[in-house]
Amino acid sequence: MFEHAYSAGTLQRQCSGTGDGRPSPRAPLGVALTCVLALALVWVVVNQVPAVHYRDADTLYRFTLLSRPRLDEAMNFLLHLLDPLQFVLWGTALVALALARSRPRVAVAMVAVMSLAPLTAETLKPLLAEPHDVVGGVFVGPASWPSGHATAALSLVLAALLACPSRLRPLVAGVGAAFVLAVGCSLLVLHWHMPSDVLGGYLVATCWAALAVAALRASERRWPTSHPL
């Protein structure tokens, strides 16, 4: 009986996968692998299944019907917040926040996410370019998957979640989710990207963020600090 009795601390250590209660990198690595598989699945299904290929274009057309002059102006403003210079400024501010909180490892991880995720999106576009169907005269060029703007938006939000104090993460997550959703909808209403492009961008950003968290957890196990992630 006694050999099967476990304290709450023992259970926590077993669930975390470490002997000292520090989180294991296995879960974020699993998320990253899932994102890679999802990216491959999305590209294959959207480009190789005619019905889905058409539905992608039809969904885009339906979003463009929401276009209005004042709404378009606001959406253009939102998307231009992610222009390269502005993106660098937002990213620099977030890295400065992490450094101010004495989180140098987190700062390095954030730089990796905000650099490698957009770079991945821009690299994949010409390599995986495929012509899209045209519905209602709405046209998007072939080299559009995955969306760089969607990737950049989610990369910033995920970096912000790494940088901010844990007590503020629910608030940052809520505001960030609204921002990412608004960017995605803007890309569709203004027909800058296909729906599958936006989804692909989200997956790319999530994949790199998950790898960053895995690296942070692995480094924490190897070189423990007083501020575990």
Foldseek 3Di string as FASTA:
>chain_A
DVVPDDDPQRVQCVVQVHPRNFHALPVLLVLLVVLVVVLVVLLCCCFPPVVNLVVLQVVLVVLLVPDDVVLLVVLVVLLCCLPPVNLVVLLVVLLVLQVVVVNNLLSVLLVQLLPVLLVVQQVVQVVSFDAGDHDPNQGEGRSQAAPSSLLSLVSSLLSNLSRDDPVCNVVSVVVSVVSSVSNLSSCSNVVHHTNSNNVRSNSSSSSSSSVSLNVQSVVCVVPNDPDRD
